[in-house]
PDB file of N, CA and C in Angstrom:
ATOM      1  N   UNK A   1      92.616 118.463 119.719  1.00  0.00           N
ATOM      2  CA  UNK A   1      92.460 118.875 118.332  1.00  0.00           C
ATOM      3  C   UNK A   1      93.805 119.276 117.732  1.00  0.00           C
ATOM      4  N   UNK A   2      94.637 119.933 118.502  1.00  0.00           N
ATOM      5  CA  UNK A   2      95.954 120.325 117.999  1.00  0.00           C
ATOM      6  C   UNK A   2      96.774 119.088 117.628  1.00  0.00           C
ATOM      7  N   UNK A   3      96.631 118.038 118.413  1.00  0.00           N
ATOM      8  CA  UNK A   3      97.342 116.784 118.107  1.00  0.00           C
ATOM      9  C   UNK A   3      96.823 116.168 116.809  1.00  0.00           C
ATOM     10  N   UNK A   4      95.522 116.234 116.577  1.00  0.00           N
ATOM     11  CA  UNK A   4      94.951 115.731 115.327  1.00  0.00           C
ATOM     12  C   UNK A   4      95.515 116.493 114.132  1.00  0.00           C
ATOM     13  N   UNK A   5      95.659 117.801 114.280  1.00  0.00           N
ATOM     14  CA  UNK A   5      96.212 118.616 113.192  1.00  0.00           C
ATOM     15  C   UNK A   5      97.674 118.248 112.945  1.00  0.00           C
ATOM     16  N   UNK A   6      98.433 118.011 113.988  1.00  0.00           N
ATOM     17  CA  UNK A   6      99.834 117.596 113.838  1.00  0.00           C
ATOM     18  C   UNK A   6      99.912 116.234 113.162  1.00  0.00           C
ATOM     19  N   UNK A   7      99.043 115.316 113.541  1.00  0.00           N
ATOM     20  CA  UNK A   7      99.021 113.998 112.894  1.00  0.00           C
ATOM     21  C   UNK A   7      98.685 114.141 111.406  1.00  0.00           C
ATOM     22  N   UNK A   8      97.769 115.045 111.073  1.00  0.00           N
ATOM     23  CA  UNK A   8      97.414 115.262 109.677  1.00  0.00           C
ATOM     24  C   UNK A   8      98.621 115.788 108.889  1.00  0.00           C
ATOM     25  N   UNK A   9      99.385 116.692 109.497  1.00  0.00           N
ATOM     26  CA  UNK A   9     100.588 117.208 108.810  1.00  0.00           C
ATOM     27  C   UNK A   9     101.609 116.085 108.590  1.00  0.00           C
ATOM     28  N   UNK A  10     101.775 115.217 109.593  1.00  0.00           N
ATOM     29  CA  UNK A  10     102.695 114.073 109.450  1.00  0.00           C
ATOM     30  C   UNK A  10     102.220 113.125 108.368  1.00  0.00           C
ATOM     31  N   UNK A  11     100.931 112.865 108.330  1.00  0.00           N
ATOM     32  CA  UNK A  11     100.365 111.982 107.314  1.00  0.00           C
ATOM     33  C   UNK A  11     100.597 112.559 105.924  1.00  0.00           C
ATOM     34  N   UNK A  12     100.290 113.819 105.740  1.00  0.00           N
ATOM     35  CA  UNK A  12     100.482 114.461 104.433  1.00  0.00           C
ATOM     36  C   UNK A  12     101.950 114.423 104.022  1.00  0.00           C
ATOM     37  N   UNK A  13     102.828 114.711 104.937  1.00  0.00           N
ATOM     38  CA  UNK A  13     104.261 114.689 104.642  1.00  0.00           C
ATOM     39  C   UNK A  13     104.714 113.292 104.234  1.00  0.00           C
ATOM     40  N   UNK A  14     104.282 112.290 104.966  1.00  0.00           N
ATOM     41  CA  UNK A  14     104.653 110.912 104.638  1.00  0.00           C
ATOM     42  C   UNK A  14     104.107 110.473 103.298  1.00  0.00           C
ATOM     43  N   UNK A  15     102.905 110.895 102.986  1.00  0.00           N
ATOM     44  CA  UNK A  15     102.323 110.552 101.683  1.00  0.00           C
ATOM     45  C   UNK A  15     103.088 111.238 100.553  1.00  0.00           C
ATOM     46  N   UNK A  16     103.505 112.472 100.779  1.00  0.00           N
ATOM     47  CA  UNK A  16     104.310 113.156  99.755  1.00  0.00           C
ATOM     48  C   UNK A  16     105.649 112.426  99.564  1.00  0.00           C
ATOM     49  N   UNK A  17     106.258 111.994 100.656  1.00  0.00           N
ATOM     50  CA  UNK A  17     107.510 111.230 100.556  1.00  0.00           C
ATOM     51  C   UNK A  17     107.310 109.931  99.786  1.00  0.00           C
ATOM     52  N   UNK A  18     106.102 109.363  99.860  1.00  0.00           N
ATOM     53  CA  UNK A  18     105.791 108.127  99.137  1.00  0.00           C
ATOM     54  C   UNK A  18     105.433 108.403  97.676  1.00  0.00           C
ATOM     55  N   UNK A  19     105.436 109.677  97.277  1.00  0.00           N
ATOM     56  CA  UNK A  19     105.209 110.016  95.880  1.00  0.00           C
ATOM     57  C   UNK A  19     103.833 110.561  95.549  1.00  0.00           C
ATOM     58  N   UNK A  20     103.003 110.750  96.545  1.00  0.00           N
ATOM     59  CA  UNK A  20     101.661 111.266  96.305  1.00  0.00           C
ATOM     60  C   UNK A  20     101.644 112.790  96.343  1.00  0.00           C
ATOM     61  N   UNK A  21     100.628 113.343  95.720  1.00  0.00           N
ATOM     62  CA  UNK A  21     100.382 114.772  95.810  1.00  0.00           C
ATOM     63  C   UNK A  21      99.366 114.976  96.932  1.00  0.00           C
ATOM     64  N   UNK A  22      99.869 115.269  98.111  1.00  0.00           N
ATOM     65  CA  UNK A  22      99.010 115.486  99.274  1.00  0.00           C
ATOM     66  C   UNK A  22      99.107 116.947  99.679  1.00  0.00           C
ATOM     67  N   UNK A  23      97.967 117.592  99.762  1.00  0.00           N
ATOM     68  CA  UNK A  23      97.947 118.993 100.128  1.00  0.00           C
ATOM     69  C   UNK A  23      98.333 119.167 101.590  1.00  0.00           C
ATOM     70  N   UNK A  24      98.972 120.281 101.901  1.00  0.00           N
ATOM     71  CA  UNK A  24      99.302 120.602 103.292  1.00  0.00           C
ATOM     72  C   UNK A  24      97.991 120.898 104.017  1.00  0.00           C
ATOM     73  N   UNK A  25      97.664 120.109 105.036  1.00  0.00           N
ATOM     74  CA  UNK A  25      96.372 120.296 105.693  1.00  0.00           C
ATOM     75  C   UNK A  25      96.339 121.512 106.609  1.00  0.00           C
ATOM     76  N   UNK A  26      95.177 122.130 106.675  1.00  0.00           N
ATOM     77  CA  UNK A  26      94.952 123.228 107.604  1.00  0.00           C
ATOM     78  C   UNK A  26      94.193 122.737 108.833  1.00  0.00           C
ATOM     79  N   UNK A  27      93.601 121.558 108.716  1.00  0.00           N
ATOM     80  CA  UNK A  27      92.832 120.970 109.814  1.00  0.00           C
ATOM     81  C   UNK A  27      93.286 119.522 109.985  1.00  0.00           C
ATOM     82  N   UNK A  28      92.375 118.656 110.356  1.00  0.00           N
ATOM     83  CA  UNK A  28      92.693 117.243 110.516  1.00  0.00           C
ATOM     84  C   UNK A  28      92.330 116.431 109.278  1.00  0.00           C
ATOM     85  N   UNK A  29      92.083 117.088 108.163  1.00  0.00           N
ATOM     86  CA  UNK A  29      91.746 116.415 106.907  1.00  0.00           C
ATOM     87  C   UNK A  29      92.896 116.533 105.921  1.00  0.00           C
ATOM     88  N   UNK A  30      93.237 115.393 105.311  1.00  0.00           N
ATOM     89  CA  UNK A  30      94.309 115.352 104.321  1.00  0.00           C
ATOM     90  C   UNK A  30      93.694 114.971 102.981  1.00  0.00           C
ATOM     91  N   UNK A  31      93.881 115.809 101.973  1.00  0.00           N
ATOM     92  CA  UNK A  31      93.419 115.520 100.618  1.00  0.00           C
ATOM     93  C   UNK A  31      94.585 115.009  99.793  1.00  0.00           C
ATOM     94  N   UNK A  32      94.343 113.890  99.097  1.00  0.00           N
ATOM     95  CA  UNK A  32      95.388 113.253  98.297  1.00  0.00           C
ATOM     96  C   UNK A  32      94.869 113.096  96.872  1.00  0.00           C
ATOM     97  N   UNK A  33      95.622 113.599  95.908  1.00  0.00           N
ATOM     98  CA  UNK A  33      95.239 113.481  94.505  1.00  0.00           C
ATOM     99  C   UNK A  33      95.584 112.082  93.999  1.00  0.00           C
ATOM    100  N   UNK A  34      94.598 111.433  93.373  1.00  0.00           N
ATOM    101  CA  UNK A  34      94.806 110.115  92.770  1.00  0.00           C
ATOM    102  C   UNK A  34      94.022 110.052  91.465  1.00  0.00           C
ATOM    103  N   UNK A  35      94.501 109.239  90.537  1.00  0.00           N
ATOM    104  CA  UNK A  35      93.818 109.121  89.250  1.00  0.00           C
ATOM    105  C   UNK A  35      92.472 108.419  89.374  1.00  0.00           C
ATOM    106  N   UNK A  36      92.411 107.401  90.217  1.00  0.00           N
ATOM    107  CA  UNK A  36      91.195 106.606  90.362  1.00  0.00           C
ATOM    108  C   UNK A  36      90.843 106.488  91.844  1.00  0.00           C
ATOM    109  N   UNK A  37      90.100 107.456  92.370  1.00  0.00           N
ATOM    110  CA  UNK A  37      89.796 107.439  93.801  1.00  0.00           C
ATOM    111  C   UNK A  37      89.159 106.137  94.277  1.00  0.00           C
ATOM    112  N   UNK A  38      88.241 105.584  93.507  1.00  0.00           N
ATOM    113  CA  UNK A  38      87.562 104.356  93.917  1.00  0.00           C
ATOM    114  C   UNK A  38      88.558 103.208  94.084  1.00  0.00           C
ATOM    115  N   UNK A  39      89.443 103.023  93.112  1.00  0.00           N
ATOM    116  CA  UNK A  39      90.437 101.960  93.194  1.00  0.00           C
ATOM    117  C   UNK A  39      91.404 102.199  94.350  1.00  0.00           C
ATOM    118  N   UNK A  40      91.781 103.438  94.544  1.00  0.00           N
ATOM    119  CA  UNK A  40      92.687 103.766  95.641  1.00  0.00           C
ATOM    120  C   UNK A  40      92.033 103.468  96.987  1.00  0.00           C
ATOM    121  N   UNK A  41      90.765 103.851  97.142  1.00  0.00           N
ATOM    122  CA  UNK A  41      90.052 103.589  98.388  1.00  0.00           C
ATOM    123  C   UNK A  41      89.928 102.091  98.650  1.00  0.00           C
ATOM    124  N   UNK A  42      89.651 101.313  97.600  1.00  0.00           N
ATOM    125  CA  UNK A  42      89.560  99.859  97.755  1.00  0.00           C
ATOM    126  C   UNK A  42      90.905  99.266  98.146  1.00  0.00           C
ATOM    127  N   UNK A  43      91.968  99.736  97.513  1.00  0.00           N
ATOM    128  CA  UNK A  43      93.299  99.229  97.829  1.00  0.00           C
ATOM    129  C   UNK A  43      93.691  99.589  99.258  1.00  0.00           C
ATOM    130  N   UNK A  44      93.390 100.818  99.672  1.00  0.00           N
ATOM    131  CA  UNK A  44      93.674 101.210 101.053  1.00  0.00           C
ATOM    132  C   UNK A  44      92.887 100.343 102.031  1.00  0.00           C
ATOM    133  N   UNK A  45      91.615 100.134 101.742  1.00  0.00           N
ATOM    134  CA  UNK A  45      90.766  99.325 102.624  1.00  0.00           C
ATOM    135  C   UNK A  45      91.308  97.908 102.753  1.00  0.00           C
ATOM    136  N   UNK A  46      91.837  97.359 101.653  1.00  0.00           N
ATOM    137  CA  UNK A  46      92.400  96.012 101.717  1.00  0.00           C
ATOM    138  C   UNK A  46      93.642  95.970 102.609  1.00  0.00           C
ATOM    139  N   UNK A  47      94.238  97.136 102.845  1.00  0.00           N
ATOM    140  CA  UNK A  47      95.394  97.265 103.737  1.00  0.00           C
ATOM    141  C   UNK A  47      94.971  97.640 105.156  1.00  0.00           C
ATOM    142  N   UNK A  48      93.651  97.775 105.379  1.00  0.00           N
ATOM    143  CA  UNK A  48      93.154  98.111 106.697  1.00  0.00           C
ATOM    144  C   UNK A  48      93.075  99.598 106.990  1.00  0.00           C
ATOM    145  N   UNK A  49      93.169 100.430 105.946  1.00  0.00           N
ATOM    146  CA  UNK A  49      93.117 101.886 106.117  1.00  0.00           C
ATOM    147  C   UNK A  49      91.832 102.399 105.473  1.00  0.00           C
ATOM    148  N   UNK A  50      91.031 103.101 106.245  1.00  0.00           N
ATOM    149  CA  UNK A  50      89.773 103.638 105.729  1.00  0.00           C
ATOM    150  C   UNK A  50      89.925 105.110 105.391  1.00  0.00           C
ATOM    151  N   UNK A  51      89.368 105.478 104.268  1.00  0.00           N
ATOM    152  CA  UNK A  51      89.359 106.865 103.808  1.00  0.00           C
ATOM    153  C   UNK A  51      88.047 107.072 103.071  1.00  0.00           C
ATOM    154  N   UNK A  52      87.787 108.290 102.646  1.00  0.00           N
ATOM    155  CA  UNK A  52      86.546 108.601 101.948  1.00  0.00           C
ATOM    156  C   UNK A  52      86.856 109.375 100.664  1.00  0.00           C
ATOM    157  N   UNK A  53      85.908 109.372  99.725  1.00  0.00           N
ATOM    158  CA  UNK A  53      86.111 110.187  98.529  1.00  0.00           C
ATOM    159  C   UNK A  53      86.169 111.659  98.906  1.00  0.00           C
ATOM    160  N   UNK A  54      86.967 112.411  98.185  1.00  0.00           N
ATOM    161  CA  UNK A  54      87.019 113.857  98.353  1.00  0.00           C
ATOM    162  C   UNK A  54      86.413 114.504  97.130  1.00  0.00           C
ATOM    163  N   UNK A  55      86.875 115.697  96.836  1.00  0.00           N
ATOM    164  CA  UNK A  55      86.426 116.332  95.595  1.00  0.00           C
ATOM    165  C   UNK A  55      86.931 115.466  94.434  1.00  0.00           C
ATOM    166  N   UNK A  56      86.395 115.642  93.226  1.00  0.00           N
ATOM    167  CA  UNK A  56      86.794 114.777  92.111  1.00  0.00           C
ATOM    168  C   UNK A  56      88.326 114.680  91.965  1.00  0.00           C
ATOM    169  N   UNK A  57      88.809 113.438  91.875  1.00  0.00           N
ATOM    170  CA  UNK A  57      90.241 113.194  91.721  1.00  0.00           C
ATOM    171  C   UNK A  57      91.012 113.142  93.032  1.00  0.00           C
ATOM    172  N   UNK A  58      90.314 113.175  94.145  1.00  0.00           N
ATOM    173  CA  UNK A  58      90.958 113.182  95.458  1.00  0.00           C
ATOM    174  C   UNK A  58      90.301 112.181  96.403  1.00  0.00           C
ATOM    175  N   UNK A  59      91.072 111.741  97.366  1.00  0.00           N
ATOM    176  CA  UNK A  59      90.529 111.023  98.514  1.00  0.00           C
ATOM    177  C   UNK A  59      90.846 111.847  99.755  1.00  0.00           C
ATOM    178  N   UNK A  60      90.090 111.580 100.802  1.00  0.00           N
ATOM    179  CA  UNK A  60      90.212 112.350 102.026  1.00  0.00           C
ATOM    180  C   UNK A  60      90.503 111.403 103.188  1.00  0.00           C
ATOM    181  N   UNK A  61      91.575 111.694 103.900  1.00  0.00           N
ATOM    182  CA  UNK A  61      91.897 110.953 105.111  1.00  0.00           C
ATOM    183  C   UNK A  61      91.726 111.884 106.295  1.00  0.00           C
ATOM    184  N   UNK A  62      91.207 111.353 107.374  1.00  0.00           N
ATOM    185  CA  UNK A  62      90.873 112.167 108.540  1.00  0.00           C
ATOM    186  C   UNK A  62      91.584 111.629 109.772  1.00  0.00           C
ATOM    187  N   UNK A  63      92.247 112.506 110.501  1.00  0.00           N
ATOM    188  CA  UNK A  63      92.836 112.120 111.780  1.00  0.00           C
ATOM    189  C   UNK A  63      91.879 112.543 112.887  1.00  0.00           C
ATOM    190  N   UNK A  64      91.880 111.762 113.960  1.00  0.00           N
ATOM    191  CA  UNK A  64      90.982 112.048 115.078  1.00  0.00           C
ATOM    192  C   UNK A  64      91.518 111.381 116.335  1.00  0.00           C
ATOM    193  N   UNK A  65      90.746 111.419 117.385  1.00  0.00           N
ATOM    194  CA  UNK A  65      91.154 110.917 118.692  1.00  0.00           C
ATOM    195  C   UNK A  65      91.677 109.477 118.655  1.00  0.00           C
ATOM    196  N   UNK A  66      91.102 108.642 117.807  1.00  0.00           N
ATOM    197  CA  UNK A  66      91.489 107.232 117.743  1.00  0.00           C
ATOM    198  C   UNK A  66      92.623 106.951 116.762  1.00  0.00           C
ATOM    199  N   UNK A  67      93.219 107.983 116.213  1.00  0.00           N
ATOM    200  CA  UNK A  67      94.323 107.833 115.262  1.00  0.00           C
ATOM    201  C   UNK A  67      95.588 108.402 115.895  1.00  0.00           C
ATOM    202  N   UNK A  68      96.532 107.510 116.192  1.00  0.00           N
ATOM    203  CA  UNK A  68      97.785 107.929 116.806  1.00  0.00           C
ATOM    204  C   UNK A  68      98.959 107.745 115.867  1.00  0.00           C
ATOM    205  N   UNK A  69     100.147 107.883 116.404  1.00  0.00           N
ATOM    206  CA  UNK A  69     101.382 107.753 115.619  1.00  0.00           C
ATOM    207  C   UNK A  69     101.442 106.411 114.876  1.00  0.00           C
ATOM    208  N   UNK A  70     101.068 105.357 115.562  1.00  0.00           N
ATOM    209  CA  UNK A  70     101.111 104.009 114.972  1.00  0.00           C
ATOM    210  C   UNK A  70     100.205 103.922 113.738  1.00  0.00           C
ATOM    211  N   UNK A  71      99.009 104.468 113.845  1.00  0.00           N
ATOM    212  CA  UNK A  71      98.067 104.422 112.730  1.00  0.00           C
ATOM    213  C   UNK A  71      98.514 105.322 111.571  1.00  0.00           C
ATOM    214  N   UNK A  72      99.112 106.446 111.892  1.00  0.00           N
ATOM    215  CA  UNK A  72      99.624 107.332 110.845  1.00  0.00           C
ATOM    216  C   UNK A  72     100.707 106.610 110.047  1.00  0.00           C
ATOM    217  N   UNK A  73     101.640 106.000 110.744  1.00  0.00           N
ATOM    218  CA  UNK A  73     102.727 105.273 110.072  1.00  0.00           C
ATOM    219  C   UNK A  73     102.174 104.114 109.257  1.00  0.00           C
ATOM    220  N   UNK A  74     101.197 103.400 109.791  1.00  0.00           N
ATOM    221  CA  UNK A  74     100.593 102.281 109.057  1.00  0.00           C
ATOM    222  C   UNK A  74      99.917 102.770 107.775  1.00  0.00           C
ATOM    223  N   UNK A  75      99.235 103.903 107.835  1.00  0.00           N
ATOM    224  CA  UNK A  75      98.570 104.448 106.651  1.00  0.00           C
ATOM    225  C   UNK A  75      99.586 104.855 105.592  1.00  0.00           C
ATOM    226  N   UNK A  76     100.671 105.474 106.016  1.00  0.00           N
ATOM    227  CA  UNK A  76     101.722 105.883 105.076  1.00  0.00           C
ATOM    228  C   UNK A  76     102.339 104.654 104.414  1.00  0.00           C
ATOM    229  N   UNK A  77     102.661 103.653 105.210  1.00  0.00           N
ATOM    230  CA  UNK A  77     103.265 102.436 104.658  1.00  0.00           C
ATOM    231  C   UNK A  77     102.309 101.707 103.724  1.00  0.00           C
ATOM    232  N   UNK A  78     101.028 101.668 104.077  1.00  0.00           N
ATOM    233  CA  UNK A  78     100.043 101.022 103.212  1.00  0.00           C
ATOM    234  C   UNK A  78      99.956 101.741 101.873  1.00  0.00           C
ATOM    235  N   UNK A  79      99.884 103.066 101.905  1.00  0.00           N
ATOM    236  CA  UNK A  79      99.809 103.841 100.659  1.00  0.00           C
ATOM    237  C   UNK A  79     101.067 103.626  99.822  1.00  0.00           C
ATOM    238  N   UNK A  80     102.215 103.556 100.461  1.00  0.00           N
ATOM    239  CA  UNK A  80     103.461 103.327  99.728  1.00  0.00           C
ATOM    240  C   UNK A  80     103.471 101.941  99.089  1.00  0.00           C
ATOM    241  N   UNK A  81     102.919 100.948  99.774  1.00  0.00           N
ATOM    242  CA  UNK A  81     102.888  99.579  99.226  1.00  0.00           C
ATOM    243  C   UNK A  81     101.955  99.465  98.043  1.00  0.00           C
ATOM    244  N   UNK A  82     100.820 100.109  98.087  1.00  0.00           N
ATOM    245  CA  UNK A  82      99.846  99.925  97.012  1.00  0.00           C
ATOM    246  C   UNK A  82     100.141 100.786  95.794  1.00  0.00           C
ATOM    247  N   UNK A  83     100.856 101.855  95.963  1.00  0.00           N
ATOM    248  CA  UNK A  83     101.066 102.795  94.866  1.00  0.00           C
ATOM    249  C   UNK A  83     101.642 102.153  93.614  1.00  0.00           C
ATOM    250  N   UNK A  84     102.743 101.426  93.689  1.00  0.00           N
ATOM    251  CA  UNK A  84     103.346 100.905  92.472  1.00  0.00           C
ATOM    252  C   UNK A  84     102.504  99.836  91.781  1.00  0.00           C
ATOM    253  N   UNK A  85     101.821  99.012  92.547  1.00  0.00           N
ATOM    254  CA  UNK A  85     101.140  97.870  91.942  1.00  0.00           C
ATOM    255  C   UNK A  85      99.664  98.096  91.638  1.00  0.00           C
ATOM    256  N   UNK A  86      98.993  98.913  92.427  1.00  0.00           N
ATOM    257  CA  UNK A  86      97.538  98.993  92.292  1.00  0.00           C
ATOM    258  C   UNK A  86      97.030 100.307  91.736  1.00  0.00           C
ATOM    259  N   UNK A  87      97.809 101.348  91.848  1.00  0.00           N
ATOM    260  CA  UNK A  87      97.308 102.665  91.498  1.00  0.00           C
ATOM    261  C   UNK A  87      98.271 103.351  90.543  1.00  0.00           C
ATOM    262  N   UNK A  88      97.736 103.868  89.463  1.00  0.00           N
ATOM    263  CA  UNK A  88      98.562 104.699  88.582  1.00  0.00           C
ATOM    264  C   UNK A  88      98.292 106.135  88.947  1.00  0.00           C
ATOM    265  N   UNK A  89      99.354 106.858  89.250  1.00  0.00           N
ATOM    266  CA  UNK A  89      99.190 108.263  89.628  1.00  0.00           C
ATOM    267  C   UNK A  89      99.674 109.141  88.509  1.00  0.00           C
TER     268      UNK A  89
END
């Protein structure tokens, strides 16, 4: 579980570096503010990254046993790729 929390902190940090407003996680859940959560989730899914809706205006990404360094980096890179073309923040 401690590793999941560390992965969540890395994910949030990488998303902030990519220009997103990602809250500092206290657990293994990362909340990211986006203008259009549905469009963002679809764009992420097209990149092979699954996430879920969060509270209004947010999406939620979850780290767990099956999410390692490679997957964290892939999620950050996918979010960075889709941001300029698919999502207005």
